[in-house]
PDB file of all heavy atoms in Angstrom:
ATOM      1  N   ALA A   1      72.303 116.910 345.880  1.00  0.00           N
ATOM      2  CA  ALA A   1      71.103 117.240 345.037  1.00  0.00           C
ATOM      3  C   ALA A   1      71.457 117.126 343.520  1.00  0.00           C
ATOM      4  O   ALA A   1      70.588 116.852 342.769  1.00  0.00           O
ATOM      5  CB  ALA A   1      70.541 118.457 345.494  1.00  0.00           C
ATOM      6  N   GLU A   2      72.696 117.748 343.197  1.00  0.00           N
ATOM      7  CA  GLU A   2      73.089 117.593 341.776  1.00  0.00           C
ATOM      8  C   GLU A   2      73.214 116.253 341.258  1.00  0.00           C
ATOM      9  O   GLU A   2      72.883 116.008 340.160  1.00  0.00           O
ATOM     10  CB  GLU A   2      74.365 118.435 341.666  1.00  0.00           C
ATOM     11  CG  GLU A   2      74.351 119.888 341.922  1.00  0.00           C
ATOM     12  CD  GLU A   2      75.606 120.625 341.981  1.00  0.00           C
ATOM     13  OE1 GLU A   2      76.663 119.886 342.046  1.00  0.00           O
ATOM     14  OE2 GLU A   2      75.670 121.886 341.937  1.00  0.00           O
ATOM     15  N   ALA A   3      73.754 115.445 342.092  1.00  0.00           N
ATOM     16  CA  ALA A   3      73.910 114.036 341.660  1.00  0.00           C
ATOM     17  C   ALA A   3      72.620 113.296 341.636  1.00  0.00           C
ATOM     18  O   ALA A   3      72.434 112.496 340.667  1.00  0.00           O
ATOM     19  CB  ALA A   3      74.886 113.273 342.762  1.00  0.00           C
ATOM     20  N   ARG A   4      71.717 113.509 342.497  1.00  0.00           N
ATOM     21  CA  ARG A   4      70.452 112.813 342.586  1.00  0.00           C
ATOM     22  C   ARG A   4      69.406 113.275 341.474  1.00  0.00           C
ATOM     23  O   ARG A   4      68.777 112.495 340.926  1.00  0.00           O
ATOM     24  CB  ARG A   4      69.742 112.994 343.861  1.00  0.00           C
ATOM     25  CG  ARG A   4      70.474 112.459 345.175  1.00  0.00           C
ATOM     26  CD  ARG A   4      70.411 111.141 345.231  1.00  0.00           C
ATOM     27  NE  ARG A   4      70.966 110.579 346.518  1.00  0.00           N
ATOM     28  CZ  ARG A   4      72.169 110.367 346.790  1.00  0.00           C
ATOM     29  NH1 ARG A   4      73.052 110.450 345.697  1.00  0.00           N
ATOM     30  NH2 ARG A   4      72.668 109.871 347.888  1.00  0.00           N
ATOM     31  N   LEU A   5      69.545 114.526 341.055  1.00  0.00           N
ATOM     32  CA  LEU A   5      68.698 115.051 340.149  1.00  0.00           C
ATOM     33  C   LEU A   5      69.114 115.446 338.821  1.00  0.00           C
ATOM     34  O   LEU A   5      68.370 115.162 337.778  1.00  0.00           O
ATOM     35  CB  LEU A   5      67.984 116.394 340.710  1.00  0.00           C
ATOM     36  CG  LEU A   5      67.348 116.341 342.037  1.00  0.00           C
ATOM     37  CD1 LEU A   5      66.966 117.729 342.523  1.00  0.00           C
ATOM     38  CD2 LEU A   5      66.072 115.530 342.024  1.00  0.00           C
ATOM     39  N   GLY A   6      70.417 115.625 338.742  1.00  0.00           N
ATOM     40  CA  GLY A   6      71.033 116.052 337.473  1.00  0.00           C
ATOM     41  C   GLY A   6      70.758 117.572 337.271  1.00  0.00           C
ATOM     42  O   GLY A   6      69.773 118.132 337.760  1.00  0.00           O
ATOM     43  N   PRO A   7      71.719 118.215 336.569  1.00  0.00           N
ATOM     44  CA  PRO A   7      71.608 119.758 336.413  1.00  0.00           C
ATOM     45  C   PRO A   7      70.378 120.194 335.770  1.00  0.00           C
ATOM     46  O   PRO A   7      69.888 121.290 336.127  1.00  0.00           O
ATOM     47  CB  PRO A   7      72.841 120.113 335.596  1.00  0.00           C
ATOM     48  CG  PRO A   7      73.223 118.866 334.847  1.00  0.00           C
ATOM     49  CD  PRO A   7      72.753 117.640 335.731  1.00  0.00           C
ATOM     50  N   GLU A   8      69.793 119.444 334.941  1.00  0.00           N
ATOM     51  CA  GLU A   8      68.462 119.932 334.133  1.00  0.00           C
ATOM     52  C   GLU A   8      67.250 119.939 335.096  1.00  0.00           C
ATOM     53  O   GLU A   8      66.359 120.530 334.668  1.00  0.00           O
ATOM     54  CB  GLU A   8      68.270 119.216 332.996  1.00  0.00           C
ATOM     55  CG  GLU A   8      67.777 117.691 333.147  1.00  0.00           C
ATOM     56  CD  GLU A   8      68.886 116.901 333.632  1.00  0.00           C
ATOM     57  OE1 GLU A   8      70.080 117.114 333.629  1.00  0.00           O
ATOM     58  OE2 GLU A   8      68.659 115.586 333.798  1.00  0.00           O
ATOM     59  N   ARG A   9      67.297 119.315 336.257  1.00  0.00           N
ATOM     60  CA  ARG A   9      66.043 119.283 337.129  1.00  0.00           C
ATOM     61  C   ARG A   9      66.318 120.158 338.425  1.00  0.00           C
ATOM     62  O   ARG A   9      65.546 119.916 339.416  1.00  0.00           O
ATOM     63  CB  ARG A   9      65.880 117.778 337.409  1.00  0.00           C
ATOM     64  CG  ARG A   9      65.367 117.033 336.272  1.00  0.00           C
ATOM     65  CD  ARG A   9      65.645 115.592 336.511  1.00  0.00           C
ATOM     66  NE  ARG A   9      64.632 115.020 337.564  1.00  0.00           N
ATOM     67  CZ  ARG A   9      64.682 113.801 338.091  1.00  0.00           C
ATOM     68  NH1 ARG A   9      65.699 112.915 337.679  1.00  0.00           N
ATOM     69  NH2 ARG A   9      63.954 113.396 339.110  1.00  0.00           N
ATOM     70  N   LEU A  10      67.346 121.024 338.553  1.00  0.00           N
ATOM     71  CA  LEU A  10      67.454 121.786 339.670  1.00  0.00           C
ATOM     72  C   LEU A  10      66.671 122.944 339.833  1.00  0.00           C
ATOM     73  O   LEU A  10      66.689 123.477 340.964  1.00  0.00           O
ATOM     74  CB  LEU A  10      69.037 122.116 339.783  1.00  0.00           C
ATOM     75  CG  LEU A  10      70.020 121.004 339.969  1.00  0.00           C
ATOM     76  CD1 LEU A  10      71.447 121.389 339.900  1.00  0.00           C
ATOM     77  CD2 LEU A  10      69.635 120.247 341.109  1.00  0.00           C
ATOM     78  N   THR A  11      66.135 123.484 338.761  1.00  0.00           N
ATOM     79  CA  THR A  11      65.186 124.555 338.938  1.00  0.00           C
ATOM     80  C   THR A  11      64.024 124.175 339.824  1.00  0.00           C
ATOM     81  O   THR A  11      63.356 123.139 339.570  1.00  0.00           O
ATOM     82  CB  THR A  11      64.569 125.051 337.535  1.00  0.00           C
ATOM     83  OG1 THR A  11      65.658 125.179 336.672  1.00  0.00           O
ATOM     84  CG2 THR A  11      63.725 126.312 337.650  1.00  0.00           C
ATOM     85  N   GLY A  12      63.702 124.981 340.792  1.00  0.00           N
ATOM     86  CA  GLY A  12      62.673 124.674 341.785  1.00  0.00           C
ATOM     87  C   GLY A  12      63.380 123.971 343.042  1.00  0.00           C
ATOM     88  O   GLY A  12      62.563 123.491 343.863  1.00  0.00           O
ATOM     89  N   ALA A  13      64.701 123.768 343.034  1.00  0.00           N
ATOM     90  CA  ALA A  13      65.277 123.173 344.169  1.00  0.00           C
ATOM     91  C   ALA A  13      65.602 124.270 345.185  1.00  0.00           C
ATOM     92  O   ALA A  13      66.218 125.222 344.959  1.00  0.00           O
ATOM     93  CB  ALA A  13      66.617 122.458 343.855  1.00  0.00           C
ATOM     94  N   TYR A  14      65.120 124.114 346.435  1.00  0.00           N
ATOM     95  CA  TYR A  14      65.372 125.039 347.578  1.00  0.00           C
ATOM     96  C   TYR A  14      64.935 126.491 347.047  1.00  0.00           C
ATOM     97  O   TYR A  14      65.876 127.444 347.213  1.00  0.00           O
ATOM     98  CB  TYR A  14      66.782 124.961 348.012  1.00  0.00           C
ATOM     99  CG  TYR A  14      67.174 123.484 348.396  1.00  0.00           C
ATOM    100  CD1 TYR A  14      67.809 122.879 347.155  1.00  0.00           C
ATOM    101  CD2 TYR A  14      67.055 122.979 349.575  1.00  0.00           C
ATOM    102  CE1 TYR A  14      68.215 121.469 347.389  1.00  0.00           C
ATOM    103  CE2 TYR A  14      67.548 121.716 349.720  1.00  0.00           C
ATOM    104  CZ  TYR A  14      68.102 120.929 348.777  1.00  0.00           C
ATOM    105  OH  TYR A  14      68.426 119.513 348.961  1.00  0.00           O
ATOM    106  N   ALA A  15      63.827 126.568 346.407  1.00  0.00           N
ATOM    107  CA  ALA A  15      63.361 127.859 345.719  1.00  0.00           C
ATOM    108  C   ALA A  15      62.838 128.741 346.655  1.00  0.00           C
ATOM    109  O   ALA A  15      61.688 129.343 346.354  1.00  0.00           O
ATOM    110  CB  ALA A  15      62.513 127.418 344.600  1.00  0.00           C
ATOM    111  N   TRP A  16      63.544 129.358 347.618  1.00  0.00           N
ATOM    112  CA  TRP A  16      63.041 130.319 348.559  1.00  0.00           C
ATOM    113  C   TRP A  16      62.489 131.674 347.866  1.00  0.00           C
ATOM    114  O   TRP A  16      61.302 132.026 348.144  1.00  0.00           O
ATOM    115  CB  TRP A  16      64.135 130.640 349.599  1.00  0.00           C
ATOM    116  CG  TRP A  16      64.850 129.669 350.026  1.00  0.00           C
ATOM    117  CD1 TRP A  16      64.440 128.354 350.443  1.00  0.00           C
ATOM    118  CD2 TRP A  16      66.273 129.548 350.284  1.00  0.00           C
ATOM    119  NE1 TRP A  16      65.442 127.617 350.864  1.00  0.00           N
ATOM    120  CE2 TRP A  16      66.628 128.209 350.832  1.00  0.00           C
ATOM    121  CE3 TRP A  16      67.341 130.403 349.948  1.00  0.00           C
ATOM    122  CZ2 TRP A  16      67.887 127.858 351.195  1.00  0.00           C
ATOM    123  CZ3 TRP A  16      68.632 129.951 350.445  1.00  0.00           C
ATOM    124  CH2 TRP A  16      68.849 128.789 350.926  1.00  0.00           C
ATOM    125  N   LYS A  17      63.379 132.197 347.090  1.00  0.00           N
ATOM    126  CA  LYS A  17      62.866 133.464 346.441  1.00  0.00           C
ATOM    127  C   LYS A  17      61.582 133.404 345.515  1.00  0.00           C
ATOM    128  O   LYS A  17      60.715 134.123 345.393  1.00  0.00           O
ATOM    129  CB  LYS A  17      64.030 134.125 345.750  1.00  0.00           C
ATOM    130  CG  LYS A  17      63.799 135.506 345.028  1.00  0.00           C
ATOM    131  CD  LYS A  17      63.746 136.482 346.145  1.00  0.00           C
ATOM    132  CE  LYS A  17      63.950 137.962 345.749  1.00  0.00           C
ATOM    133  NZ  LYS A  17      62.974 138.313 344.594  1.00  0.00           N
ATOM    134  N   SER A  18      61.652 132.333 344.710  1.00  0.00           N
ATOM    135  CA  SER A  18      60.442 131.995 343.893  1.00  0.00           C
ATOM    136  C   SER A  18      59.257 131.840 344.652  1.00  0.00           C
ATOM    137  O   SER A  18      58.216 132.331 344.232  1.00  0.00           O
ATOM    138  CB  SER A  18      60.790 130.779 343.036  1.00  0.00           C
ATOM    139  OG  SER A  18      61.907 131.007 342.130  1.00  0.00           O
ATOM    140  N   LEU A  19      59.432 131.107 345.707  1.00  0.00           N
ATOM    141  CA  LEU A  19      58.221 130.930 346.659  1.00  0.00           C
ATOM    142  C   LEU A  19      57.661 132.186 347.247  1.00  0.00           C
ATOM    143  O   LEU A  19      56.461 132.535 347.125  1.00  0.00           O
ATOM    144  CB  LEU A  19      58.482 129.760 347.611  1.00  0.00           C
ATOM    145  CG  LEU A  19      58.420 128.382 347.214  1.00  0.00           C
ATOM    146  CD1 LEU A  19      59.246 127.546 348.174  1.00  0.00           C
ATOM    147  CD2 LEU A  19      56.976 127.836 346.959  1.00  0.00           C
ATOM    148  N   LEU A  20      58.570 133.044 347.688  1.00  0.00           N
ATOM    149  CA  LEU A  20      58.198 134.273 348.145  1.00  0.00           C
ATOM    150  C   LEU A  20      57.570 135.169 347.202  1.00  0.00           C
ATOM    151  O   LEU A  20      56.594 135.808 347.382  1.00  0.00           O
ATOM    152  CB  LEU A  20      59.440 134.902 348.900  1.00  0.00           C
ATOM    153  CG  LEU A  20      59.683 134.585 350.371  1.00  0.00           C
ATOM    154  CD1 LEU A  20      60.819 135.459 350.954  1.00  0.00           C
ATOM    155  CD2 LEU A  20      58.363 134.826 351.338  1.00  0.00           C
ATOM    156  N   ASP A  21      58.261 135.270 346.069  1.00  0.00           N
ATOM    157  CA  ASP A  21      57.685 136.159 344.999  1.00  0.00           C
ATOM    158  C   ASP A  21      56.405 135.701 344.551  1.00  0.00           C
ATOM    159  O   ASP A  21      55.585 136.552 343.985  1.00  0.00           O
ATOM    160  CB  ASP A  21      58.699 136.111 343.806  1.00  0.00           C
ATOM    161  CG  ASP A  21      60.019 136.973 344.149  1.00  0.00           C
ATOM    162  OD1 ASP A  21      60.008 137.652 345.165  1.00  0.00           O
ATOM    163  OD2 ASP A  21      61.011 136.796 343.383  1.00  0.00           O
ATOM    164  N   SER A  22      56.055 134.429 344.672  1.00  0.00           N
ATOM    165  CA  SER A  22      54.683 133.907 344.255  1.00  0.00           C
ATOM    166  C   SER A  22      53.672 134.385 345.249  1.00  0.00           C
ATOM    167  O   SER A  22      52.431 134.105 344.973  1.00  0.00           O
ATOM    168  CB  SER A  22      54.815 132.439 344.105  1.00  0.00           C
ATOM    169  OG  SER A  22      54.751 131.695 345.292  1.00  0.00           O
ATOM    170  N   GLY A  23      54.047 134.812 346.412  1.00  0.00           N
ATOM    171  CA  GLY A  23      53.140 135.187 347.407  1.00  0.00           C
ATOM    172  C   GLY A  23      52.908 134.184 348.492  1.00  0.00           C
ATOM    173  O   GLY A  23      52.078 134.401 349.473  1.00  0.00           O
ATOM    174  N   ALA A  24      53.743 133.179 348.487  1.00  0.00           N
ATOM    175  CA  ALA A  24      53.558 132.179 349.480  1.00  0.00           C
ATOM    176  C   ALA A  24      54.248 132.685 350.846  1.00  0.00           C
ATOM    177  O   ALA A  24      55.107 133.359 350.902  1.00  0.00           O
ATOM    178  CB  ALA A  24      54.437 130.877 349.086  1.00  0.00           C
ATOM    179  N   LYS A  25      53.680 132.113 351.997  1.00  0.00           N
ATOM    180  CA  LYS A  25      54.206 132.467 353.332  1.00  0.00           C
ATOM    181  C   LYS A  25      55.350 131.519 353.574  1.00  0.00           C
ATOM    182  O   LYS A  25      55.232 130.269 353.124  1.00  0.00           O
ATOM    183  CB  LYS A  25      53.073 132.172 354.384  1.00  0.00           C
ATOM    184  CG  LYS A  25      51.860 133.164 354.264  1.00  0.00           C
ATOM    185  CD  LYS A  25      52.299 134.581 354.652  1.00  0.00           C
ATOM    186  CE  LYS A  25      50.971 135.452 354.737  1.00  0.00           C
ATOM    187  NZ  LYS A  25      51.444 136.787 355.109  1.00  0.00           N
ATOM    188  N   MET A  26      56.365 131.853 354.197  1.00  0.00           N
ATOM    189  CA  MET A  26      57.620 131.116 354.389  1.00  0.00           C
ATOM    190  C   MET A  26      58.011 131.108 355.873  1.00  0.00           C
ATOM    191  O   MET A  26      57.963 132.169 356.474  1.00  0.00           O
ATOM    192  CB  MET A  26      58.691 131.515 353.496  1.00  0.00           C
ATOM    193  CG  MET A  26      59.910 130.635 353.590  1.00  0.00           C
ATOM    194  SD  MET A  26      61.173 131.179 352.298  1.00  0.00           S
ATOM    195  CE  MET A  26      60.317 130.544 350.892  1.00  0.00           C
ATOM    196  N   ALA A  27      58.519 129.967 356.472  1.00  0.00           N
ATOM    197  CA  ALA A  27      59.077 129.835 357.690  1.00  0.00           C
ATOM    198  C   ALA A  27      60.200 129.160 357.694  1.00  0.00           C
ATOM    199  O   ALA A  27      60.383 128.121 356.939  1.00  0.00           O
ATOM    200  CB  ALA A  27      58.039 129.088 358.670  1.00  0.00           C
ATOM    201  N   PHE A  28      61.191 129.626 358.455  1.00  0.00           N
ATOM    202  CA  PHE A  28      62.608 128.962 358.433  1.00  0.00           C
ATOM    203  C   PHE A  28      62.834 128.222 359.797  1.00  0.00           C
ATOM    204  O   PHE A  28      62.459 128.709 360.854  1.00  0.00           O
ATOM    205  CB  PHE A  28      63.740 130.028 358.135  1.00  0.00           C
ATOM    206  CG  PHE A  28      63.874 130.309 356.694  1.00  0.00           C
ATOM    207  CD1 PHE A  28      64.672 131.427 356.337  1.00  0.00           C
ATOM    208  CD2 PHE A  28      63.298 129.570 355.620  1.00  0.00           C
ATOM    209  CE1 PHE A  28      64.968 131.767 354.897  1.00  0.00           C
ATOM    210  CE2 PHE A  28      63.561 129.864 354.420  1.00  0.00           C
ATOM    211  CZ  PHE A  28      64.386 130.879 354.102  1.00  0.00           C
ATOM    212  N   GLY A  29      63.549 127.125 359.616  1.00  0.00           N
ATOM    213  CA  GLY A  29      64.028 126.414 360.822  1.00  0.00           C
ATOM    214  C   GLY A  29      65.299 125.717 360.433  1.00  0.00           C
ATOM    215  O   GLY A  29      65.954 126.026 359.483  1.00  0.00           O
ATOM    216  N   THR A  30      65.769 124.868 361.299  1.00  0.00           N
ATOM    217  CA  THR A  30      67.022 124.074 361.118  1.00  0.00           C
ATOM    218  C   THR A  30      66.872 122.641 360.963  1.00  0.00           C
ATOM    219  O   THR A  30      67.881 121.983 360.488  1.00  0.00           O
ATOM    220  CB  THR A  30      68.034 124.373 362.265  1.00  0.00           C
ATOM    221  OG1 THR A  30      67.354 123.873 363.530  1.00  0.00           O
ATOM    222  CG2 THR A  30      68.289 125.847 362.595  1.00  0.00           C
ATOM    223  N   ASP A  31      65.803 122.023 361.357  1.00  0.00           N
ATOM    224  CA  ASP A  31      65.614 120.459 361.353  1.00  0.00           C
ATOM    225  C   ASP A  31      66.556 119.897 362.280  1.00  0.00           C
ATOM    226  O   ASP A  31      67.051 118.847 362.156  1.00  0.00           O
ATOM    227  CB  ASP A  31      65.795 119.881 359.920  1.00  0.00           C
ATOM    228  CG  ASP A  31      65.196 118.494 359.842  1.00  0.00           C
ATOM    229  OD1 ASP A  31      64.462 118.211 360.715  1.00  0.00           O
ATOM    230  OD2 ASP A  31      65.409 117.865 358.823  1.00  0.00           O
TER     231      ASP A  31
END
């Protein structure tokens, strides 16, 4: 992800806490 996006675009990557703090419902799995 660091290579694909570059360090300046990683905010919002796999953002579990930010989503929960915003009030979103979250479900986890493994794929």
